[in-house]
Amino acid sequence: MSSSRPYIESDYLTVFQEVTLLISTVHTSQEVMDLVVRRLPTLLDVDAATIRLLDTGTNSFVLGAAWGVSDEYLSRSTIDTKKVMDALMKGRPTARKHIDVTCDHDSCAFISNEGVKSAMSLPIIFQGQITGLLRLLTKDLREFSQPEINFAMSLAEQVGIAISNCHMFQEMKNQVIFFKAQREISQLVNSTLNLDQILGTIVKKLPGIMGVMGCTIRLLQPATNRLELVAASGVSQKYLTRGNISREDSIFKVLKGSPVAIYDAPNDPRVNYHDEIKEEGKNPSLPFPLKTTRKLLVYCGCSRIAIALFPQVIFTLL
């Protein structure tokens, strides 16, 4: 896509076919994103590529995959100018040069230090909804033509479709694993009244089932109105004793009966102890409440599909 070598229709078709073929060979959204950001810079003659996904809980974009840029650049607080972000949220791609000298936000130093001079930003859209952003970056001044922008937009649309398809494929796979796990836990519940054994089994099984690093269960004690850790796996003792989590915004919502999805835990203001989270290496988290007729609540830092597992397990408390 270099301005010194204009693309013709046959070039576009070749690149499009290669990208769609590559996408069709992977089965997880992370694989799709990793593949796209690795291959597009070579195919489209740019220096770097990033994909960010929309976190609807915070209405912000979290990093999905990146290639060709430093961790320092990726950690900047502002992705682009308000004007560009507004255009992207309306489904309009943008292409600009001199972004290192015309910067008007709080992350200008990161752009300058990285040496990025031109950027094409593209919304990733699926079924009319913005699901993420694809950005193509160059360290030289580039004047992206409208045909190039249109072509890159068609690739971004393919990425959106591929990510969605992978989510659906993984969802179907998870359902099979889910029902198997539900049967195993149900059998355990029916075979023992030992609550510690039941909860211990749950926190050991769920990380493998849900593809997460760890799981914790906390019970709300009526006498003290405090959450008490009763079972955990996959996390260090230091992380478990990091401090009281009851004052976190996410927990307030959980105790009101609503699950909370947190995709960027080290930076999300709804949780505390960001340094401890970074050290532990945890990122996505989903605290959610579980109710029994005893008015107890369970706090579990696991994954969303686990919600349906617990009513049967908690039934032994009744």
C-alpha atoms as a PDB file:
ATOM      1  CA  MET A   1       0.000   0.000   0.000  1.00  0.00           C
ATOM      2  CA  SER A   2       2.982   2.276  -0.339  1.00  0.00           C
ATOM      3  CA  SER A   3       2.287   5.491  -2.200  1.00  0.00           C
ATOM      4  CA  SER A   4       5.314   4.708  -4.393  1.00  0.00           C
ATOM      5  CA  ARG A   5       3.663   1.516  -5.624  1.00  0.00           C
ATOM      6  CA  PRO A   6      -0.035   1.969  -6.347  1.00  0.00           C
ATOM      7  CA  TYR A   7      -2.099  -1.148  -5.883  1.00  0.00           C
ATOM      8  CA  ILE A   8      -4.223  -2.447  -8.719  1.00  0.00           C
ATOM      9  CA  GLU A   9      -7.277  -4.691  -8.460  1.00  0.00           C
ATOM     10  CA  SER A  10      -5.275  -7.894  -8.859  1.00  0.00           C
ATOM     11  CA  ASP A  11      -3.040  -6.884  -5.924  1.00  0.00           C
ATOM     12  CA  TYR A  12      -6.053  -6.207  -3.724  1.00  0.00           C
ATOM     13  CA  LEU A  13      -7.613  -9.543  -4.668  1.00  0.00           C
ATOM     14  CA  THR A  14      -4.409 -11.439  -3.884  1.00  0.00           C
ATOM     15  CA  VAL A  15      -4.061  -9.860  -0.463  1.00  0.00           C
ATOM     16  CA  PHE A  16      -7.760 -10.305   0.304  1.00  0.00           C
ATOM     17  CA  GLN A  17      -7.634 -13.983  -0.640  1.00  0.00           C
ATOM     18  CA  GLU A  18      -4.544 -14.578   1.477  1.00  0.00           C
ATOM     19  CA  VAL A  19      -6.015 -12.866   4.527  1.00  0.00           C
ATOM     20  CA  THR A  20      -9.342 -14.704   4.306  1.00  0.00           C
ATOM     21  CA  LEU A  21      -7.538 -18.034   3.755  1.00  0.00           C
ATOM     22  CA  LEU A  22      -5.340 -17.452   6.770  1.00  0.00           C
ATOM     23  CA  ILE A  23      -8.314 -16.466   8.908  1.00  0.00           C
ATOM     24  CA  SER A  24     -10.188 -19.614   7.897  1.00  0.00           C
ATOM     25  CA  THR A  25      -7.405 -21.822   9.297  1.00  0.00           C
ATOM     26  CA  VAL A  26      -7.725 -20.711  12.938  1.00  0.00           C
ATOM     27  CA  HIS A  27     -10.465 -21.376  15.461  1.00  0.00           C
ATOM     28  CA  THR A  28     -10.082 -18.869  18.290  1.00  0.00           C
ATOM     29  CA  SER A  29     -10.527 -15.115  18.203  1.00  0.00           C
ATOM     30  CA  GLN A  30      -7.096 -14.616  19.766  1.00  0.00           C
ATOM     31  CA  GLU A  31      -5.487 -16.652  16.988  1.00  0.00           C
ATOM     32  CA  VAL A  32      -7.344 -14.556  14.413  1.00  0.00           C
ATOM     33  CA  MET A  33      -6.159 -11.299  15.941  1.00  0.00           C
ATOM     34  CA  ASP A  34      -2.568 -12.491  16.378  1.00  0.00           C
ATOM     35  CA  LEU A  35      -2.459 -13.701  12.796  1.00  0.00           C
ATOM     36  CA  VAL A  36      -3.923 -10.493  11.364  1.00  0.00           C
ATOM     37  CA  VAL A  37      -1.522  -8.139  13.149  1.00  0.00           C
ATOM     38  CA  ARG A  38       1.457 -10.300  12.149  1.00  0.00           C
ATOM     39  CA  ARG A  39       0.579 -10.653   8.477  1.00  0.00           C
ATOM     40  CA  LEU A  40      -1.002  -7.335   7.509  1.00  0.00           C
ATOM     41  CA  PRO A  41       2.149  -5.213   7.934  1.00  0.00           C
ATOM     42  CA  THR A  42       3.939  -7.324   5.311  1.00  0.00           C
ATOM     43  CA  LEU A  43       0.952  -7.651   3.024  1.00  0.00           C
ATOM     44  CA  LEU A  44       0.037  -3.970   3.144  1.00  0.00           C
ATOM     45  CA  ASP A  45       3.536  -2.488   3.447  1.00  0.00           C
ATOM     46  CA  VAL A  46       3.100  -0.858   6.860  1.00  0.00           C
ATOM     47  CA  ASP A  47       5.308  -1.024   9.944  1.00  0.00           C
ATOM     48  CA  ALA A  48       2.849  -2.132  12.620  1.00  0.00           C
ATOM     49  CA  ALA A  49      -0.720  -3.189  13.322  1.00  0.00           C
ATOM     50  CA  THR A  50      -2.888  -3.293  16.420  1.00  0.00           C
ATOM     51  CA  ILE A  51      -6.350  -4.579  17.246  1.00  0.00           C
ATOM     52  CA  ARG A  52      -8.374  -3.325  20.181  1.00  0.00           C
ATOM     53  CA  LEU A  53     -11.755  -4.701  21.226  1.00  0.00           C
ATOM     54  CA  LEU A  54     -14.614  -2.661  22.644  1.00  0.00           C
ATOM     55  CA  ASP A  55     -15.317  -3.292  26.326  1.00  0.00           C
ATOM     56  CA  THR A  56     -18.982  -2.357  26.556  1.00  0.00           C
ATOM     57  CA  GLY A  57     -18.801  -2.281  30.368  1.00  0.00           C
ATOM     58  CA  THR A  58     -16.428   0.683  30.386  1.00  0.00           C
ATOM     59  CA  ASN A  59     -17.052   1.893  26.818  1.00  0.00           C
ATOM     60  CA  SER A  60     -13.319   1.723  26.187  1.00  0.00           C
ATOM     61  CA  PHE A  61     -11.053  -0.240  23.871  1.00  0.00           C
ATOM     62  CA  VAL A  62      -8.762  -2.890  25.355  1.00  0.00           C
ATOM     63  CA  LEU A  63      -5.792  -4.383  23.561  1.00  0.00           C
ATOM     64  CA  GLY A  64      -6.500  -7.591  21.664  1.00  0.00           C
ATOM     65  CA  ALA A  65      -3.279  -8.050  19.683  1.00  0.00           C
ATOM     66  CA  ALA A  66      -0.351  -6.012  18.389  1.00  0.00           C
ATOM     67  CA  TRP A  67       2.779  -6.361  16.265  1.00  0.00           C
ATOM     68  CA  GLY A  68       5.595  -3.945  15.493  1.00  0.00           C
ATOM     69  CA  VAL A  69       5.187  -1.537  18.423  1.00  0.00           C
ATOM     70  CA  SER A  70       6.581  -1.389  21.962  1.00  0.00           C
ATOM     71  CA  ASP A  71       4.785  -2.155  25.209  1.00  0.00           C
ATOM     72  CA  GLU A  72       5.285   1.477  26.228  1.00  0.00           C
ATOM     73  CA  TYR A  73       3.401   2.672  23.158  1.00  0.00           C
ATOM     74  CA  LEU A  74       0.597   0.184  23.766  1.00  0.00           C
ATOM     75  CA  SER A  75       0.224   1.291  27.396  1.00  0.00           C
ATOM     76  CA  ARG A  76      -0.627   4.914  26.530  1.00  0.00           C
ATOM     77  CA  SER A  77      -3.862   6.148  28.072  1.00  0.00           C
ATOM     78  CA  THR A  78      -5.333   7.804  24.944  1.00  0.00           C
ATOM     79  CA  ILE A  79      -5.540   5.892  21.664  1.00  0.00           C
ATOM     80  CA  ASP A  80      -6.216   8.840  19.365  1.00  0.00           C
ATOM     81  CA  THR A  81      -7.803  12.273  19.194  1.00  0.00           C
ATOM     82  CA  LYS A  82     -11.446  12.732  20.140  1.00  0.00           C
ATOM     83  CA  LYS A  83     -12.259  13.657  16.542  1.00  0.00           C
ATOM     84  CA  VAL A  84     -10.805  10.412  15.218  1.00  0.00           C
ATOM     85  CA  MET A  85     -12.432   8.274  17.935  1.00  0.00           C
ATOM     86  CA  ASP A  86     -15.817   9.894  17.285  1.00  0.00           C
ATOM     87  CA  ALA A  87     -15.491   9.101  13.571  1.00  0.00           C
ATOM     88  CA  LEU A  88     -14.532   5.502  14.291  1.00  0.00           C
ATOM     89  CA  MET A  89     -17.475   5.034  16.644  1.00  0.00           C
ATOM     90  CA  LYS A  90     -19.712   6.171  13.783  1.00  0.00           C
ATOM     91  CA  GLY A  91     -18.193   3.508  11.536  1.00  0.00           C
ATOM     92  CA  ARG A  92     -15.972   5.837   9.499  1.00  0.00           C
ATOM     93  CA  PRO A  93     -12.307   4.932   8.859  1.00  0.00           C
ATOM     94  CA  THR A  94      -9.662   7.640   9.086  1.00  0.00           C
ATOM     95  CA  ALA A  95      -6.159   8.048   7.673  1.00  0.00           C
ATOM     96  CA  ARG A  96      -3.729  10.750   8.794  1.00  0.00           C
ATOM     97  CA  LYS A  97      -0.062  11.681   8.562  1.00  0.00           C
ATOM     98  CA  HIS A  98       2.126  13.891  10.777  1.00  0.00           C
ATOM     99  CA  ILE A  99       0.356  12.423  13.807  1.00  0.00           C
ATOM    100  CA  ASP A 100       3.528  12.900  15.829  1.00  0.00           C
ATOM    101  CA  VAL A 101       3.463  16.684  15.391  1.00  0.00           C
ATOM    102  CA  THR A 102      -0.271  17.405  15.167  1.00  0.00           C
ATOM    103  CA  CYS A 103      -1.085  15.452  18.321  1.00  0.00           C
ATOM    104  CA  ASP A 104      -3.445  17.248  20.721  1.00  0.00           C
ATOM    105  CA  HIS A 105      -3.981  14.721  23.521  1.00  0.00           C
ATOM    106  CA  ASP A 106      -2.109  13.400  26.568  1.00  0.00           C
ATOM    107  CA  SER A 107      -0.267  10.544  24.828  1.00  0.00           C
ATOM    108  CA  CYS A 108       1.751  12.580  22.323  1.00  0.00           C
ATOM    109  CA  ALA A 109       5.098  11.657  23.887  1.00  0.00           C
ATOM    110  CA  PHE A 110       4.446   7.942  23.324  1.00  0.00           C
ATOM    111  CA  ILE A 111       3.736   8.541  19.631  1.00  0.00           C
ATOM    112  CA  SER A 112       6.849  10.683  19.198  1.00  0.00           C
ATOM    113  CA  ASN A 113       9.092   8.214  21.045  1.00  0.00           C
ATOM    114  CA  GLU A 114       7.765   5.342  18.964  1.00  0.00           C
ATOM    115  CA  GLY A 115       8.483   7.173  15.739  1.00  0.00           C
ATOM    116  CA  VAL A 116       4.984   6.685  14.328  1.00  0.00           C
ATOM    117  CA  LYS A 117       4.165   9.340  11.732  1.00  0.00           C
ATOM    118  CA  SER A 118       1.110   8.025   9.849  1.00  0.00           C
ATOM    119  CA  ALA A 119      -1.871   5.917  10.852  1.00  0.00           C
ATOM    120  CA  MET A 120      -4.931   4.381   9.286  1.00  0.00           C
ATOM    121  CA  SER A 121      -7.637   3.630  11.847  1.00  0.00           C
ATOM    122  CA  LEU A 122     -10.504   1.343  10.923  1.00  0.00           C
ATOM    123  CA  PRO A 123     -13.618   0.321  12.858  1.00  0.00           C
ATOM    124  CA  ILE A 124     -14.196  -3.426  13.166  1.00  0.00           C
ATOM    125  CA  ILE A 125     -17.907  -3.877  12.582  1.00  0.00           C
ATOM    126  CA  PHE A 126     -20.146  -6.920  12.896  1.00  0.00           C
ATOM    127  CA  GLN A 127     -23.878  -6.800  12.194  1.00  0.00           C
ATOM    128  CA  GLY A 128     -23.846  -3.026  12.298  1.00  0.00           C
ATOM    129  CA  GLN A 129     -22.151  -2.786  15.700  1.00  0.00           C
ATOM    130  CA  ILE A 130     -18.645  -1.510  16.460  1.00  0.00           C
ATOM    131  CA  THR A 131     -16.754  -4.374  18.099  1.00  0.00           C
ATOM    132  CA  GLY A 132     -13.181  -3.115  17.850  1.00  0.00           C
ATOM    133  CA  LEU A 133     -10.522  -1.072  16.068  1.00  0.00           C
ATOM    134  CA  LEU A 134      -7.829  -2.076  13.584  1.00  0.00           C
ATOM    135  CA  ARG A 135      -4.939   0.393  13.266  1.00  0.00           C
ATOM    136  CA  LEU A 136      -2.170   0.290  10.659  1.00  0.00           C
ATOM    137  CA  LEU A 137       0.898   2.376  11.506  1.00  0.00           C
ATOM    138  CA  THR A 138       3.903   3.608   9.536  1.00  0.00           C
ATOM    139  CA  LYS A 139       7.117   5.279  10.594  1.00  0.00           C
ATOM    140  CA  ASP A 140       7.302   7.242   7.352  1.00  0.00           C
ATOM    141  CA  LEU A 141       4.925   9.849   6.002  1.00  0.00           C
ATOM    142  CA  ARG A 142       2.194   8.090   4.037  1.00  0.00           C
ATOM    143  CA  GLU A 143      -0.692   9.527   2.093  1.00  0.00           C
ATOM    144  CA  PHE A 144      -3.253   6.718   2.111  1.00  0.00           C
ATOM    145  CA  SER A 145      -5.466   6.845  -0.951  1.00  0.00           C
ATOM    146  CA  GLN A 146      -9.210   6.328  -0.807  1.00  0.00           C
ATOM    147  CA  PRO A 147      -8.985   2.959  -2.635  1.00  0.00           C
ATOM    148  CA  GLU A 148      -6.429   1.837  -0.037  1.00  0.00           C
ATOM    149  CA  ILE A 149      -8.695   2.947   2.803  1.00  0.00           C
ATOM    150  CA  ASN A 150     -11.691   1.165   1.233  1.00  0.00           C
ATOM    151  CA  PHE A 151      -9.670  -1.995   0.776  1.00  0.00           C
ATOM    152  CA  ALA A 152      -8.332  -1.936   4.345  1.00  0.00           C
ATOM    153  CA  MET A 153     -11.892  -1.408   5.566  1.00  0.00           C
ATOM    154  CA  SER A 154     -12.996  -4.561   3.765  1.00  0.00           C
ATOM    155  CA  LEU A 155     -10.230  -6.443   5.571  1.00  0.00           C
ATOM    156  CA  ALA A 156     -11.369  -5.009   8.908  1.00  0.00           C
ATOM    157  CA  GLU A 157     -14.881  -6.270   8.171  1.00  0.00           C
ATOM    158  CA  GLN A 158     -13.462  -9.744   7.527  1.00  0.00           C
ATOM    159  CA  VAL A 159     -11.658  -9.575  10.847  1.00  0.00           C
ATOM    160  CA  GLY A 160     -14.947  -8.709  12.564  1.00  0.00           C
ATOM    161  CA  ILE A 161     -16.707 -11.652  10.944  1.00  0.00           C
ATOM    162  CA  ALA A 162     -13.839 -14.010  11.790  1.00  0.00           C
ATOM    163  CA  ILE A 163     -13.728 -12.937  15.434  1.00  0.00           C
ATOM    164  CA  SER A 164     -17.494 -13.343  15.734  1.00  0.00           C
ATOM    165  CA  ASN A 165     -17.398 -16.780  14.107  1.00  0.00           C
ATOM    166  CA  CYS A 166     -14.617 -17.853  16.440  1.00  0.00           C
ATOM    167  CA  HIS A 167     -16.639 -16.658  19.418  1.00  0.00           C
ATOM    168  CA  MET A 168     -19.606 -18.748  18.251  1.00  0.00           C
ATOM    169  CA  PHE A 169     -17.392 -21.778  17.622  1.00  0.00           C
ATOM    170  CA  GLN A 170     -15.820 -21.440  21.073  1.00  0.00           C
ATOM    171  CA  GLU A 171     -19.252 -20.932  22.630  1.00  0.00           C
ATOM    172  CA  MET A 172     -20.476 -24.218  21.191  1.00  0.00           C
ATOM    173  CA  LYS A 173     -17.333 -25.962  22.419  1.00  0.00           C
ATOM    174  CA  ASN A 174     -17.758 -24.402  25.849  1.00  0.00           C
ATOM    175  CA  GLN A 175     -21.356 -25.593  26.007  1.00  0.00           C
ATOM    176  CA  VAL A 176     -20.233 -29.200  25.617  1.00  0.00           C
ATOM    177  CA  ILE A 177     -17.597 -28.752  28.326  1.00  0.00           C
ATOM    178  CA  PHE A 178     -20.119 -26.885  30.452  1.00  0.00           C
ATOM    179  CA  PHE A 179     -22.729 -29.638  30.454  1.00  0.00           C
ATOM    180  CA  LYS A 180     -20.108 -32.255  31.251  1.00  0.00           C
ATOM    181  CA  ALA A 181     -18.861 -30.185  34.182  1.00  0.00           C
ATOM    182  CA  GLN A 182     -22.407 -29.534  35.348  1.00  0.00           C
ATOM    183  CA  ARG A 183     -23.076 -33.261  35.441  1.00  0.00           C
ATOM    184  CA  GLU A 184     -19.886 -33.957  37.400  1.00  0.00           C
ATOM    185  CA  ILE A 185     -20.614 -31.236  39.949  1.00  0.00           C
ATOM    186  CA  SER A 186     -24.240 -32.341  40.263  1.00  0.00           C
ATOM    187  CA  GLN A 187     -23.053 -35.862  41.025  1.00  0.00           C
ATOM    188  CA  LEU A 188     -20.720 -34.489  43.670  1.00  0.00           C
ATOM    189  CA  VAL A 189     -23.493 -32.417  45.258  1.00  0.00           C
ATOM    190  CA  ASN A 190     -25.762 -35.461  45.445  1.00  0.00           C
ATOM    191  CA  SER A 191     -23.048 -37.602  46.994  1.00  0.00           C
ATOM    192  CA  THR A 192     -21.908 -35.361  49.873  1.00  0.00           C
ATOM    193  CA  LEU A 193     -23.072 -32.646  52.248  1.00  0.00           C
ATOM    194  CA  ASN A 194     -19.503 -31.449  52.793  1.00  0.00           C
ATOM    195  CA  LEU A 195     -19.642 -27.822  51.639  1.00  0.00           C
ATOM    196  CA  ASP A 196     -15.861 -27.349  51.755  1.00  0.00           C
ATOM    197  CA  GLN A 197     -15.380 -30.336  49.457  1.00  0.00           C
ATOM    198  CA  ILE A 198     -17.988 -29.051  47.009  1.00  0.00           C
ATOM    199  CA  LEU A 199     -16.616 -25.518  46.831  1.00  0.00           C
ATOM    200  CA  GLY A 200     -13.045 -26.801  46.659  1.00  0.00           C
ATOM    201  CA  THR A 201     -13.937 -28.997  43.698  1.00  0.00           C
ATOM    202  CA  ILE A 202     -15.671 -26.112  41.930  1.00  0.00           C
ATOM    203  CA  VAL A 203     -12.707 -23.715  42.141  1.00  0.00           C
ATOM    204  CA  LYS A 204     -10.357 -26.460  40.952  1.00  0.00           C
ATOM    205  CA  LYS A 205     -12.499 -27.463  37.978  1.00  0.00           C
ATOM    206  CA  LEU A 206     -13.640 -24.077  36.692  1.00  0.00           C
ATOM    207  CA  PRO A 207     -10.275 -22.605  35.623  1.00  0.00           C
ATOM    208  CA  GLY A 208      -9.676 -25.518  33.254  1.00  0.00           C
ATOM    209  CA  ILE A 209     -13.249 -25.499  32.001  1.00  0.00           C
ATOM    210  CA  MET A 210     -13.399 -21.745  31.451  1.00  0.00           C
ATOM    211  CA  GLY A 211      -9.832 -21.224  30.276  1.00  0.00           C
ATOM    212  CA  VAL A 212      -8.942 -18.867  33.146  1.00  0.00           C
ATOM    213  CA  MET A 213      -5.976 -18.828  35.512  1.00  0.00           C
ATOM    214  CA  GLY A 214      -7.793 -19.007  38.811  1.00  0.00           C
ATOM    215  CA  CYS A 215     -11.048 -18.883  40.695  1.00  0.00           C
ATOM    216  CA  THR A 216     -12.150 -17.711  44.134  1.00  0.00           C
ATOM    217  CA  ILE A 217     -15.416 -18.053  46.045  1.00  0.00           C
ATOM    218  CA  ARG A 218     -16.340 -15.709  48.867  1.00  0.00           C
ATOM    219  CA  LEU A 219     -19.403 -15.997  51.099  1.00  0.00           C
ATOM    220  CA  LEU A 220     -21.153 -12.987  52.566  1.00  0.00           C
ATOM    221  CA  GLN A 221     -21.363 -13.609  56.305  1.00  0.00           C
ATOM    222  CA  PRO A 222     -24.635 -12.260  57.779  1.00  0.00           C
ATOM    223  CA  ALA A 223     -23.128 -11.626  61.212  1.00  0.00           C
ATOM    224  CA  THR A 224     -20.355  -9.339  59.957  1.00  0.00           C
ATOM    225  CA  ASN A 225     -21.720  -8.399  56.522  1.00  0.00           C
ATOM    226  CA  ARG A 226     -18.238  -9.117  55.147  1.00  0.00           C
ATOM    227  CA  LEU A 227     -17.125 -11.324  52.281  1.00  0.00           C
ATOM    228  CA  GLU A 228     -15.114 -14.283  53.563  1.00  0.00           C
ATOM    229  CA  LEU A 229     -12.852 -16.327  51.313  1.00  0.00           C
ATOM    230  CA  VAL A 230     -13.916 -19.978  51.455  1.00  0.00           C
ATOM    231  CA  ALA A 231     -12.247 -21.546  48.416  1.00  0.00           C
ATOM    232  CA  ALA A 232      -9.592 -20.634  45.863  1.00  0.00           C
ATOM    233  CA  SER A 233      -7.310 -22.153  43.253  1.00  0.00           C
ATOM    234  CA  GLY A 234      -4.761 -20.873  40.756  1.00  0.00           C
ATOM    235  CA  VAL A 235      -3.849 -17.756  42.750  1.00  0.00           C
ATOM    236  CA  SER A 236      -1.050 -17.074  45.223  1.00  0.00           C
ATOM    237  CA  GLN A 237      -1.505 -16.554  48.939  1.00  0.00           C
ATOM    238  CA  LYS A 238      -0.037 -13.074  48.545  1.00  0.00           C
ATOM    239  CA  TYR A 239      -2.732 -12.196  46.012  1.00  0.00           C
ATOM    240  CA  LEU A 240      -5.490 -13.602  48.221  1.00  0.00           C
ATOM    241  CA  THR A 241      -4.335 -11.485  51.181  1.00  0.00           C
ATOM    242  CA  ARG A 242      -3.915  -8.270  49.172  1.00  0.00           C
ATOM    243  CA  GLY A 243      -6.579  -6.517  51.262  1.00  0.00           C
ATOM    244  CA  ASN A 244     -10.286  -5.975  51.677  1.00  0.00           C
ATOM    245  CA  ILE A 245     -12.155  -6.016  48.349  1.00  0.00           C
ATOM    246  CA  SER A 246     -15.559  -5.116  49.788  1.00  0.00           C
ATOM    247  CA  ARG A 247     -15.106  -1.430  48.958  1.00  0.00           C
ATOM    248  CA  GLU A 248     -14.495  -2.019  45.258  1.00  0.00           C
ATOM    249  CA  ASP A 249     -17.105  -0.574  42.889  1.00  0.00           C
ATOM    250  CA  SER A 250     -17.426  -3.939  41.160  1.00  0.00           C
ATOM    251  CA  ILE A 251     -18.292  -5.635  44.445  1.00  0.00           C
ATOM    252  CA  PHE A 252     -20.954  -3.045  45.259  1.00  0.00           C
ATOM    253  CA  LYS A 253     -22.684  -3.960  42.004  1.00  0.00           C
ATOM    254  CA  VAL A 254     -22.215  -7.679  42.595  1.00  0.00           C
ATOM    255  CA  LEU A 255     -23.818  -7.423  46.045  1.00  0.00           C
ATOM    256  CA  LYS A 256     -26.801  -5.754  44.401  1.00  0.00           C
ATOM    257  CA  GLY A 257     -27.256  -8.812  42.223  1.00  0.00           C
ATOM    258  CA  SER A 258     -25.521  -7.844  38.962  1.00  0.00           C
ATOM    259  CA  PRO A 259     -22.507  -9.573  37.390  1.00  0.00           C
ATOM    260  CA  VAL A 260     -19.640  -7.285  36.396  1.00  0.00           C
ATOM    261  CA  ALA A 261     -17.308  -8.006  33.475  1.00  0.00           C
ATOM    262  CA  ILE A 262     -13.767  -6.659  33.839  1.00  0.00           C
ATOM    263  CA  TYR A 263     -11.497  -7.150  30.825  1.00  0.00           C
ATOM    264  CA  ASP A 264      -8.578  -4.894  31.775  1.00  0.00           C
ATOM    265  CA  ALA A 265      -8.255  -5.474  35.518  1.00  0.00           C
ATOM    266  CA  PRO A 266      -4.827  -3.801  35.969  1.00  0.00           C
ATOM    267  CA  ASN A 267      -6.292  -0.486  34.754  1.00  0.00           C
ATOM    268  CA  ASP A 268     -10.034  -0.702  35.445  1.00  0.00           C
ATOM    269  CA  PRO A 269     -11.141   1.833  38.120  1.00  0.00           C
ATOM    270  CA  ARG A 270     -13.884  -0.520  39.301  1.00  0.00           C
ATOM    271  CA  VAL A 271     -11.308  -2.727  41.037  1.00  0.00           C
ATOM    272  CA  ASN A 272      -8.556  -1.884  43.516  1.00  0.00           C
ATOM    273  CA  TYR A 273      -5.050  -3.266  44.094  1.00  0.00           C
ATOM    274  CA  HIS A 274      -3.881  -2.739  40.511  1.00  0.00           C
ATOM    275  CA  ASP A 275      -0.225  -3.353  41.388  1.00  0.00           C
ATOM    276  CA  GLU A 276      -1.066  -6.679  43.019  1.00  0.00           C
ATOM    277  CA  ILE A 277      -3.143  -7.687  39.998  1.00  0.00           C
ATOM    278  CA  LYS A 278      -0.287  -6.873  37.618  1.00  0.00           C
ATOM    279  CA  GLU A 279       2.170  -8.831  39.746  1.00  0.00           C
ATOM    280  CA  GLU A 280      -0.153 -11.820  39.865  1.00  0.00           C
ATOM    281  CA  GLY A 281      -0.657 -11.693  36.111  1.00  0.00           C
ATOM    282  CA  LYS A 282      -4.444 -11.748  36.206  1.00  0.00           C
ATOM    283  CA  ASN A 283      -6.433  -9.769  33.678  1.00  0.00           C
ATOM    284  CA  PRO A 284     -10.002 -10.663  32.627  1.00  0.00           C
ATOM    285  CA  SER A 285     -12.331 -11.112  35.586  1.00  0.00           C
ATOM    286  CA  LEU A 286     -16.033 -11.503  36.088  1.00  0.00           C
ATOM    287  CA  PRO A 287     -17.353 -11.203  39.634  1.00  0.00           C
ATOM    288  CA  PHE A 288     -20.975 -12.245  39.915  1.00  0.00           C
ATOM    289  CA  PRO A 289     -23.515 -12.817  42.688  1.00  0.00           C
ATOM    290  CA  LEU A 290     -25.284 -16.031  43.571  1.00  0.00           C
ATOM    291  CA  LYS A 291     -28.281 -16.007  45.871  1.00  0.00           C
ATOM    292  CA  THR A 292     -29.859 -18.616  48.114  1.00  0.00           C
ATOM    293  CA  THR A 293     -32.958 -18.437  50.287  1.00  0.00           C
ATOM    294  CA  ARG A 294     -30.594 -17.847  53.196  1.00  0.00           C
ATOM    295  CA  LYS A 295     -29.724 -14.461  51.650  1.00  0.00           C
ATOM    296  CA  LEU A 296     -26.111 -15.474  51.224  1.00  0.00           C
ATOM    297  CA  LEU A 297     -24.091 -14.185  48.306  1.00  0.00           C
ATOM    298  CA  VAL A 298     -21.192 -15.885  46.640  1.00  0.00           C
ATOM    299  CA  TYR A 299     -18.467 -13.863  44.952  1.00  0.00           C
ATOM    300  CA  CYS A 300     -16.568 -15.740  42.283  1.00  0.00           C
ATOM    301  CA  GLY A 301     -13.782 -14.235  40.180  1.00  0.00           C
ATOM    302  CA  CYS A 302     -14.196 -16.606  37.269  1.00  0.00           C
ATOM    303  CA  SER A 303     -15.912 -16.607  33.918  1.00  0.00           C
ATOM    304  CA  ARG A 304     -19.427 -15.969  32.748  1.00  0.00           C
ATOM    305  CA  ILE A 305     -20.502 -19.497  31.778  1.00  0.00           C
ATOM    306  CA  ALA A 306     -19.937 -20.606  35.361  1.00  0.00           C
ATOM    307  CA  ILE A 307     -23.049 -18.726  36.505  1.00  0.00           C
ATOM    308  CA  ALA A 308     -25.412 -21.579  35.731  1.00  0.00           C
ATOM    309  CA  LEU A 309     -23.284 -24.136  37.562  1.00  0.00           C
ATOM    310  CA  PHE A 310     -23.845 -22.768  41.012  1.00  0.00           C
ATOM    311  CA  PRO A 311     -27.576 -22.918  41.774  1.00  0.00           C
ATOM    312  CA  GLN A 312     -27.329 -26.693  42.176  1.00  0.00           C
ATOM    313  CA  VAL A 313     -24.187 -26.450  44.261  1.00  0.00           C
ATOM    314  CA  ILE A 314     -25.596 -23.758  46.522  1.00  0.00           C
ATOM    315  CA  PHE A 315     -28.739 -25.850  46.853  1.00  0.00           C
ATOM    316  CA  THR A 316     -26.900 -27.935  49.469  1.00  0.00           C
ATOM    317  CA  LEU A 317     -26.959 -24.883  51.751  1.00  0.00           C
ATOM    318  CA  LEU A 318     -30.702 -24.823  51.924  1.00  0.00           C
END
